[in-house]
All heavy atoms as atom14 arrays in JSON, in Angstrom:
{
  "sequence": "GGRGKGKFRELGPDAKGGVRLAKSLDEVESNAREMLGNTL",
  "atom14_mask": [
    [1, 1, 1, 1, 0, 0, 0, 0, 0, 0, 0, 0, 0, 0],
    [1, 1, 1, 1, 0, 0, 0, 0, 0, 0, 0, 0, 0, 0],
    [1, 1, 1, 1, 1, 1, 1, 1, 1, 1, 1, 0, 0, 0],
    [1, 1, 1, 1, 0, 0, 0, 0, 0, 0, 0, 0, 0, 0],
    [1, 1, 1, 1, 1, 1, 1, 1, 1, 0, 0, 0, 0, 0],
    [1, 1, 1, 1, 0, 0, 0, 0, 0, 0, 0, 0, 0, 0],
    [1, 1, 1, 1, 1, 1, 1, 1, 1, 0, 0, 0, 0, 0],
    [1, 1, 1, 1, 1, 1, 1, 1, 1, 1, 1, 0, 0, 0],
    [1, 1, 1, 1, 1, 1, 1, 1, 1, 1, 1, 0, 0, 0],
    [1, 1, 1, 1, 1, 1, 1, 1, 1, 0, 0, 0, 0, 0],
    [1, 1, 1, 1, 1, 1, 1, 1, 0, 0, 0, 0, 0, 0],
    [1, 1, 1, 1, 0, 0, 0, 0, 0, 0, 0, 0, 0, 0],
    [1, 1, 1, 1, 1, 1, 1, 0, 0, 0, 0, 0, 0, 0],
    [1, 1, 1, 1, 1, 1, 1, 1, 0, 0, 0, 0, 0, 0],
    [1, 1, 1, 1, 1, 0, 0, 0, 0, 0, 0, 0, 0, 0],
    [1, 1, 1, 1, 1, 1, 1, 1, 1, 0, 0, 0, 0, 0],
    [1, 1, 1, 1, 0, 0, 0, 0, 0, 0, 0, 0, 0, 0],
    [1, 1, 1, 1, 0, 0, 0, 0, 0, 0, 0, 0, 0, 0],
    [1, 1, 1, 1, 1, 1, 1, 0, 0, 0, 0, 0, 0, 0],
    [1, 1, 1, 1, 1, 1, 1, 1, 1, 1, 1, 0, 0, 0],
    [1, 1, 1, 1, 1, 1, 1, 1, 0, 0, 0, 0, 0, 0],
    [1, 1, 1, 1, 1, 0, 0, 0, 0, 0, 0, 0, 0, 0],
    [1, 1, 1, 1, 1, 1, 1, 1, 1, 0, 0, 0, 0, 0],
    [1, 1, 1, 1, 1, 1, 0, 0, 0, 0, 0, 0, 0, 0],
    [1, 1, 1, 1, 1, 1, 1, 1, 0, 0, 0, 0, 0, 0],
    [1, 1, 1, 1, 1, 1, 1, 1, 0, 0, 0, 0, 0, 0],
    [1, 1, 1, 1, 1, 1, 1, 1, 1, 0, 0, 0, 0, 0],
    [1, 1, 1, 1, 1, 1, 1, 0, 0, 0, 0, 0, 0, 0],
    [1, 1, 1, 1, 1, 1, 1, 1, 1, 0, 0, 0, 0, 0],
    [1, 1, 1, 1, 1, 1, 0, 0, 0, 0, 0, 0, 0, 0],
    [1, 1, 1, 1, 1, 1, 1, 1, 0, 0, 0, 0, 0, 0],
    [1, 1, 1, 1, 1, 0, 0, 0, 0, 0, 0, 0, 0, 0],
    [1, 1, 1, 1, 1, 1, 1, 1, 1, 1, 1, 0, 0, 0],
    [1, 1, 1, 1, 1, 1, 1, 1, 1, 0, 0, 0, 0, 0],
    [1, 1, 1, 1, 1, 1, 1, 1, 0, 0, 0, 0, 0, 0],
    [1, 1, 1, 1, 1, 1, 1, 1, 0, 0, 0, 0, 0, 0],
    [1, 1, 1, 1, 0, 0, 0, 0, 0, 0, 0, 0, 0, 0],
    [1, 1, 1, 1, 1, 1, 1, 1, 0, 0, 0, 0, 0, 0],
    [1, 1, 1, 1, 1, 1, 1, 0, 0, 0, 0, 0, 0, 0],
    [1, 1, 1, 1, 1, 1, 1, 1, 0, 0, 0, 0, 0, 0]
  ],
  "atom14_positions": [
    [[105.68, 71.58, 99.57], [105.05, 70.26, 99.54], [103.51, 70.38, 99.37], [102.98, 71.42, 99.33], [0.0, 0.0, 0.0], [0.0, 0.0, 0.0], [0.0, 0.0, 0.0], [0.0, 0.0, 0.0], [0.0, 0.0, 0.0], [0.0, 0.0, 0.0], [0.0, 0.0, 0.0], [0.0, 0.0, 0.0], [0.0, 0.0, 0.0], [0.0, 0.0, 0.0]],
    [[102.9, 69.23, 99.26], [101.46, 69.17, 99.13], [100.92, 69.58, 97.74], [99.79, 70.07, 97.53], [0.0, 0.0, 0.0], [0.0, 0.0, 0.0], [0.0, 0.0, 0.0], [0.0, 0.0, 0.0], [0.0, 0.0, 0.0], [0.0, 0.0, 0.0], [0.0, 0.0, 0.0], [0.0, 0.0, 0.0], [0.0, 0.0, 0.0], [0.0, 0.0, 0.0]],
    [[101.77, 69.45, 96.67], [101.42, 69.93, 95.38], [100.22, 69.25, 94.78], [99.38, 69.77, 94.14], [102.6, 69.8, 94.46], [103.79, 70.78, 94.72], [105.01, 70.39, 93.96], [105.51, 69.06, 94.21], [106.38, 68.34, 93.53], [106.81, 68.87, 92.37], [106.75, 67.14, 93.88], [0.0, 0.0, 0.0], [0.0, 0.0, 0.0], [0.0, 0.0, 0.0]],
    [[100.23, 67.86, 95.05], [99.13, 67.05, 94.49], [97.78, 67.45, 94.95], [96.79, 67.55, 94.16], [0.0, 0.0, 0.0], [0.0, 0.0, 0.0], [0.0, 0.0, 0.0], [0.0, 0.0, 0.0], [0.0, 0.0, 0.0], [0.0, 0.0, 0.0], [0.0, 0.0, 0.0], [0.0, 0.0, 0.0], [0.0, 0.0, 0.0], [0.0, 0.0, 0.0]],
    [[97.69, 67.88, 96.22], [96.37, 68.26, 96.8], [96.15, 69.75, 96.71], [95.07, 70.21, 97.12], [96.32, 67.71, 98.22], [96.28, 66.27, 98.5], [96.29, 65.91, 99.95], [96.28, 64.43, 100.13], [96.26, 63.96, 101.52], [0.0, 0.0, 0.0], [0.0, 0.0, 0.0], [0.0, 0.0, 0.0], [0.0, 0.0, 0.0], [0.0, 0.0, 0.0]],
    [[97.12, 70.44, 96.13], [96.97, 71.9, 96.05], [95.93, 72.24, 94.95], [95.46, 71.53, 94.19], [0.0, 0.0, 0.0], [0.0, 0.0, 0.0], [0.0, 0.0, 0.0], [0.0, 0.0, 0.0], [0.0, 0.0, 0.0], [0.0, 0.0, 0.0], [0.0, 0.0, 0.0], [0.0, 0.0, 0.0], [0.0, 0.0, 0.0], [0.0, 0.0, 0.0]],
    [[95.56, 73.54, 94.96], [94.66, 74.16, 93.99], [95.24, 75.38, 93.28], [95.9, 76.23, 93.93], [93.34, 74.47, 94.71], [92.57, 73.26, 95.19], [92.02, 72.47, 94.1], [91.17, 71.23, 94.55], [90.67, 70.44, 93.48], [0.0, 0.0, 0.0], [0.0, 0.0, 0.0], [0.0, 0.0, 0.0], [0.0, 0.0, 0.0], [0.0, 0.0, 0.0]],
    [[94.91, 75.54, 92.04], [95.36, 76.71, 91.29], [94.3, 77.8, 91.55], [93.07, 77.62, 91.24], [95.49, 76.42, 89.84], [96.76, 75.58, 89.48], [96.68, 74.31, 89.43], [98.0, 76.24, 89.32], [97.9, 73.53, 89.08], [99.12, 75.52, 89.07], [99.08, 74.19, 88.98], [0.0, 0.0, 0.0], [0.0, 0.0, 0.0], [0.0, 0.0, 0.0]],
    [[94.82, 78.96, 92.01], [93.82, 80.1, 92.27], [93.09, 80.57, 91.07], [91.9, 80.89, 91.13], [94.69, 81.25, 92.84], [93.83, 82.52, 93.17], [94.59, 83.59, 93.76], [95.36, 83.17, 94.96], [96.52, 83.56, 95.26], [97.26, 84.29, 94.46], [97.07, 83.22, 96.41], [0.0, 0.0, 0.0], [0.0, 0.0, 0.0], [0.0, 0.0, 0.0]],
    [[93.76, 80.54, 89.87], [93.07, 81.06, 88.69], [92.1, 80.06, 88.08], [91.3, 80.47, 87.19], [94.15, 81.4, 87.64], [95.02, 82.53, 88.05], [96.18, 82.12, 88.96], [96.31, 80.91, 89.23], [97.05, 82.92, 89.31], [0.0, 0.0, 0.0], [0.0, 0.0, 0.0], [0.0, 0.0, 0.0], [0.0, 0.0, 0.0], [0.0, 0.0, 0.0]],
    [[92.16, 78.84, 88.49], [91.26, 77.75, 87.86], [90.04, 77.55, 88.81], [90.05, 77.94, 89.97], [92.07, 76.53, 87.66], [93.36, 76.62, 86.81], [93.92, 75.22, 86.67], [93.04, 77.17, 85.37], [0.0, 0.0, 0.0], [0.0, 0.0, 0.0], [0.0, 0.0, 0.0], [0.0, 0.0, 0.0], [0.0, 0.0, 0.0], [0.0, 0.0, 0.0]],
    [[89.02, 76.81, 88.28], [87.9, 76.5, 89.04], [88.16, 75.54, 90.23], [89.15, 74.9, 90.26], [0.0, 0.0, 0.0], [0.0, 0.0, 0.0], [0.0, 0.0, 0.0], [0.0, 0.0, 0.0], [0.0, 0.0, 0.0], [0.0, 0.0, 0.0], [0.0, 0.0, 0.0], [0.0, 0.0, 0.0], [0.0, 0.0, 0.0], [0.0, 0.0, 0.0]],
    [[87.21, 75.43, 91.13], [87.4, 74.56, 92.32], [87.46, 73.09, 91.98], [88.02, 72.29, 92.74], [86.14, 74.9, 93.16], [85.18, 75.35, 92.21], [85.93, 76.14, 91.18], [0.0, 0.0, 0.0], [0.0, 0.0, 0.0], [0.0, 0.0, 0.0], [0.0, 0.0, 0.0], [0.0, 0.0, 0.0], [0.0, 0.0, 0.0], [0.0, 0.0, 0.0]],
    [[87.02, 72.7, 90.82], [87.03, 71.36, 90.35], [88.29, 71.01, 89.57], [88.54, 69.82, 89.17], [85.81, 70.93, 89.56], [84.49, 71.1, 90.35], [84.55, 70.78, 91.58], [83.5, 71.47, 89.74], [0.0, 0.0, 0.0], [0.0, 0.0, 0.0], [0.0, 0.0, 0.0], [0.0, 0.0, 0.0], [0.0, 0.0, 0.0], [0.0, 0.0, 0.0]],
    [[89.12, 71.97, 89.41], [90.34, 71.73, 88.59], [91.35, 70.84, 89.38], [91.38, 70.91, 90.64], [91.02, 73.01, 88.21], [0.0, 0.0, 0.0], [0.0, 0.0, 0.0], [0.0, 0.0, 0.0], [0.0, 0.0, 0.0], [0.0, 0.0, 0.0], [0.0, 0.0, 0.0], [0.0, 0.0, 0.0], [0.0, 0.0, 0.0], [0.0, 0.0, 0.0]],
    [[92.14, 70.04, 88.65], [93.16, 69.25, 89.34], [94.27, 70.05, 90.0], [94.44, 71.29, 89.71], [93.63, 68.29, 88.33], [92.72, 67.29, 87.75], [93.27, 66.38, 86.69], [92.22, 65.47, 86.15], [92.77, 64.64, 85.03], [0.0, 0.0, 0.0], [0.0, 0.0, 0.0], [0.0, 0.0, 0.0], [0.0, 0.0, 0.0], [0.0, 0.0, 0.0]],
    [[95.1, 69.4, 90.82], [96.16, 70.07, 91.53], [97.43, 70.16, 90.81], [97.47, 70.18, 89.46], [0.0, 0.0, 0.0], [0.0, 0.0, 0.0], [0.0, 0.0, 0.0], [0.0, 0.0, 0.0], [0.0, 0.0, 0.0], [0.0, 0.0, 0.0], [0.0, 0.0, 0.0], [0.0, 0.0, 0.0], [0.0, 0.0, 0.0], [0.0, 0.0, 0.0]],
    [[98.54, 70.18, 91.45], [99.89, 70.43, 90.85], [100.63, 69.2, 90.41], [101.76, 69.21, 89.96], [0.0, 0.0, 0.0], [0.0, 0.0, 0.0], [0.0, 0.0, 0.0], [0.0, 0.0, 0.0], [0.0, 0.0, 0.0], [0.0, 0.0, 0.0], [0.0, 0.0, 0.0], [0.0, 0.0, 0.0], [0.0, 0.0, 0.0], [0.0, 0.0, 0.0]],
    [[100.02, 67.96, 90.66], [100.55, 66.73, 90.16], [99.44, 65.98, 89.3], [98.44, 65.61, 89.94], [101.13, 65.89, 91.25], [101.64, 64.57, 90.65], [102.27, 66.57, 92.01], [0.0, 0.0, 0.0], [0.0, 0.0, 0.0], [0.0, 0.0, 0.0], [0.0, 0.0, 0.0], [0.0, 0.0, 0.0], [0.0, 0.0, 0.0], [0.0, 0.0, 0.0]],
    [[99.67, 65.83, 88.04], [98.5, 65.27, 87.25], [98.98, 64.17, 86.34], [100.11, 64.2, 85.76], [97.92, 66.36, 86.32], [97.49, 67.62, 87.13], [96.9, 68.65, 86.17], [96.43, 69.84, 86.91], [95.7, 70.75, 86.28], [95.45, 70.75, 84.94], [95.21, 71.85, 87.0], [0.0, 0.0, 0.0], [0.0, 0.0, 0.0], [0.0, 0.0, 0.0]],
    [[98.11, 63.14, 86.2], [98.35, 62.08, 85.25], [97.8, 62.46, 83.86], [96.81, 63.08, 83.83], [97.64, 60.81, 85.69], [98.21, 60.12, 86.94], [97.28, 58.92, 87.32], [99.63, 59.7, 86.89], [0.0, 0.0, 0.0], [0.0, 0.0, 0.0], [0.0, 0.0, 0.0], [0.0, 0.0, 0.0], [0.0, 0.0, 0.0], [0.0, 0.0, 0.0]],
    [[98.6, 62.06, 82.83], [98.2, 62.37, 81.52], [98.25, 61.09, 80.71], [99.31, 60.43, 80.74], [99.02, 63.45, 80.89], [0.0, 0.0, 0.0], [0.0, 0.0, 0.0], [0.0, 0.0, 0.0], [0.0, 0.0, 0.0], [0.0, 0.0, 0.0], [0.0, 0.0, 0.0], [0.0, 0.0, 0.0], [0.0, 0.0, 0.0], [0.0, 0.0, 0.0]],
    [[97.25, 60.73, 79.94], [97.32, 59.54, 79.18], [97.58, 59.69, 77.67], [97.38, 58.72, 76.89], [95.97, 58.86, 79.39], [95.72, 58.4, 80.82], [94.37, 57.65, 80.92], [94.16, 57.34, 82.45], [92.78, 56.64, 82.68], [0.0, 0.0, 0.0], [0.0, 0.0, 0.0], [0.0, 0.0, 0.0], [0.0, 0.0, 0.0], [0.0, 0.0, 0.0]],
    [[97.9, 60.88, 77.32], [98.26, 61.23, 75.93], [99.1, 62.49, 75.86], [99.09, 63.21, 76.82], [96.95, 61.32, 75.09], [96.23, 62.52, 75.42], [0.0, 0.0, 0.0], [0.0, 0.0, 0.0], [0.0, 0.0, 0.0], [0.0, 0.0, 0.0], [0.0, 0.0, 0.0], [0.0, 0.0, 0.0], [0.0, 0.0, 0.0], [0.0, 0.0, 0.0]],
    [[99.7, 62.7, 74.69], [100.42, 64.0, 74.52], [99.52, 65.15, 74.52], [99.92, 66.27, 75.09], [101.17, 63.94, 73.19], [102.31, 62.86, 73.14], [102.97, 62.93, 71.75], [103.36, 63.09, 74.18], [0.0, 0.0, 0.0], [0.0, 0.0, 0.0], [0.0, 0.0, 0.0], [0.0, 0.0, 0.0], [0.0, 0.0, 0.0], [0.0, 0.0, 0.0]],
    [[98.29, 65.03, 74.11], [97.3, 66.06, 74.1], [96.99, 66.49, 75.59], [96.85, 67.69, 75.95], [96.0, 65.69, 73.42], [96.24, 65.72, 71.94], [97.15, 66.34, 71.37], [95.36, 65.09, 71.21], [0.0, 0.0, 0.0], [0.0, 0.0, 0.0], [0.0, 0.0, 0.0], [0.0, 0.0, 0.0], [0.0, 0.0, 0.0], [0.0, 0.0, 0.0]],
    [[96.92, 65.49, 76.47], [96.59, 65.8, 77.87], [97.79, 66.43, 78.55], [97.71, 67.26, 79.37], [96.17, 64.54, 78.56], [94.82, 64.0, 78.29], [94.33, 62.87, 79.17], [95.04, 62.62, 80.19], [93.35, 62.16, 78.83], [0.0, 0.0, 0.0], [0.0, 0.0, 0.0], [0.0, 0.0, 0.0], [0.0, 0.0, 0.0], [0.0, 0.0, 0.0]],
    [[99.0, 65.99, 78.18], [100.21, 66.7, 78.68], [100.22, 68.11, 78.31], [100.45, 68.98, 79.11], [101.48, 66.02, 78.09], [102.74, 66.87, 78.42], [101.65, 64.58, 78.66], [0.0, 0.0, 0.0], [0.0, 0.0, 0.0], [0.0, 0.0, 0.0], [0.0, 0.0, 0.0], [0.0, 0.0, 0.0], [0.0, 0.0, 0.0], [0.0, 0.0, 0.0]],
    [[99.79, 68.44, 77.05], [99.73, 69.85, 76.54], [98.7, 70.64, 77.34], [98.97, 71.8, 77.74], [99.52, 69.85, 75.05], [99.46, 71.3, 74.52], [99.2, 71.3, 72.97], [99.12, 70.25, 72.39], [99.07, 72.41, 72.49], [0.0, 0.0, 0.0], [0.0, 0.0, 0.0], [0.0, 0.0, 0.0], [0.0, 0.0, 0.0], [0.0, 0.0, 0.0]],
    [[97.51, 70.09, 77.49], [96.47, 70.75, 78.16], [96.73, 71.12, 79.67], [96.5, 72.12, 80.18], [95.12, 70.12, 77.94], [95.13, 68.78, 78.65], [0.0, 0.0, 0.0], [0.0, 0.0, 0.0], [0.0, 0.0, 0.0], [0.0, 0.0, 0.0], [0.0, 0.0, 0.0], [0.0, 0.0, 0.0], [0.0, 0.0, 0.0], [0.0, 0.0, 0.0]],
    [[97.38, 70.13, 80.26], [97.73, 70.2, 81.63], [98.84, 71.23, 81.87], [98.78, 72.1, 82.71], [98.24, 68.87, 82.26], [97.05, 67.94, 82.55], [95.96, 68.37, 82.93], [97.26, 66.66, 82.42], [0.0, 0.0, 0.0], [0.0, 0.0, 0.0], [0.0, 0.0, 0.0], [0.0, 0.0, 0.0], [0.0, 0.0, 0.0], [0.0, 0.0, 0.0]],
    [[99.84, 71.18, 80.93], [100.98, 72.17, 81.05], [100.41, 73.59, 80.84], [100.77, 74.53, 81.51], [102.0, 71.88, 79.91], [0.0, 0.0, 0.0], [0.0, 0.0, 0.0], [0.0, 0.0, 0.0], [0.0, 0.0, 0.0], [0.0, 0.0, 0.0], [0.0, 0.0, 0.0], [0.0, 0.0, 0.0], [0.0, 0.0, 0.0], [0.0, 0.0, 0.0]],
    [[99.47, 73.73, 79.87], [98.91, 75.04, 79.67], [98.11, 75.64, 80.85], [98.15, 76.8, 81.06], [98.01, 74.93, 78.43], [97.72, 76.23, 77.66], [96.97, 76.05, 76.36], [97.67, 75.23, 75.39], [98.75, 75.71, 74.67], [99.12, 76.91, 74.73], [99.28, 74.88, 73.81], [0.0, 0.0, 0.0], [0.0, 0.0, 0.0], [0.0, 0.0, 0.0]],
    [[97.44, 74.7, 81.54], [96.68, 75.1, 82.73], [97.56, 75.5, 83.91], [97.33, 76.33, 84.71], [95.7, 74.0, 83.15], [94.52, 73.93, 82.4], [93.43, 73.03, 82.99], [93.76, 72.4, 84.08], [92.3, 72.93, 82.49], [0.0, 0.0, 0.0], [0.0, 0.0, 0.0], [0.0, 0.0, 0.0], [0.0, 0.0, 0.0], [0.0, 0.0, 0.0]],
    [[98.73, 74.78, 83.99], [99.63, 74.92, 85.18], [100.61, 76.14, 85.05], [100.79, 76.84, 85.96], [100.34, 73.64, 85.41], [99.37, 72.52, 85.75], [100.11, 70.86, 85.54], [101.08, 70.73, 87.12], [0.0, 0.0, 0.0], [0.0, 0.0, 0.0], [0.0, 0.0, 0.0], [0.0, 0.0, 0.0], [0.0, 0.0, 0.0], [0.0, 0.0, 0.0]],
    [[101.27, 76.24, 83.94], [102.31, 77.29, 83.84], [101.8, 78.68, 83.9], [100.77, 78.98, 83.29], [103.06, 77.1, 82.44], [104.11, 75.96, 82.37], [104.57, 75.76, 80.93], [105.29, 76.34, 83.34], [0.0, 0.0, 0.0], [0.0, 0.0, 0.0], [0.0, 0.0, 0.0], [0.0, 0.0, 0.0], [0.0, 0.0, 0.0], [0.0, 0.0, 0.0]],
    [[102.4, 79.46, 84.78], [102.05, 80.9, 84.92], [100.93, 81.07, 85.94], [100.6, 82.2, 86.23], [0.0, 0.0, 0.0], [0.0, 0.0, 0.0], [0.0, 0.0, 0.0], [0.0, 0.0, 0.0], [0.0, 0.0, 0.0], [0.0, 0.0, 0.0], [0.0, 0.0, 0.0], [0.0, 0.0, 0.0], [0.0, 0.0, 0.0], [0.0, 0.0, 0.0]],
    [[100.3, 80.05, 86.36], [99.27, 80.15, 87.35], [99.78, 79.94, 88.84], [100.92, 79.39, 88.97], [98.06, 79.19, 87.08], [97.32, 79.64, 85.95], [97.18, 80.85, 85.7], [96.59, 78.74, 85.31], [0.0, 0.0, 0.0], [0.0, 0.0, 0.0], [0.0, 0.0, 0.0], [0.0, 0.0, 0.0], [0.0, 0.0, 0.0], [0.0, 0.0, 0.0]],
    [[98.95, 80.3, 89.8], [99.45, 80.24, 91.19], [98.84, 79.05, 91.87], [97.69, 78.81, 91.98], [98.98, 81.55, 91.89], [99.4, 82.71, 91.18], [99.52, 81.6, 93.37], [0.0, 0.0, 0.0], [0.0, 0.0, 0.0], [0.0, 0.0, 0.0], [0.0, 0.0, 0.0], [0.0, 0.0, 0.0], [0.0, 0.0, 0.0], [0.0, 0.0, 0.0]],
    [[99.79, 78.21, 92.41], [99.49, 76.99, 93.06], [99.48, 77.24, 94.63], [100.43, 77.68, 95.17], [100.44, 75.83, 92.71], [100.16, 74.43, 93.38], [98.81, 73.95, 92.96], [101.22, 73.55, 93.05], [0.0, 0.0, 0.0], [0.0, 0.0, 0.0], [0.0, 0.0, 0.0], [0.0, 0.0, 0.0], [0.0, 0.0, 0.0], [0.0, 0.0, 0.0]]
  ]
}
C-alpha cells in the first residue's frame, strides 16, 4: 500500500509516486517509461 505517496529510488526527489494522472497518451507513455523497471 501507499503507492501514491511512494517514491521511486532511481528518480529525483520531485518525481511523482506510483499512482499518476495522465491527460494525454504521451503522458501515459512518459509515466509508464519512468515507472516500469524502477524501485518503488
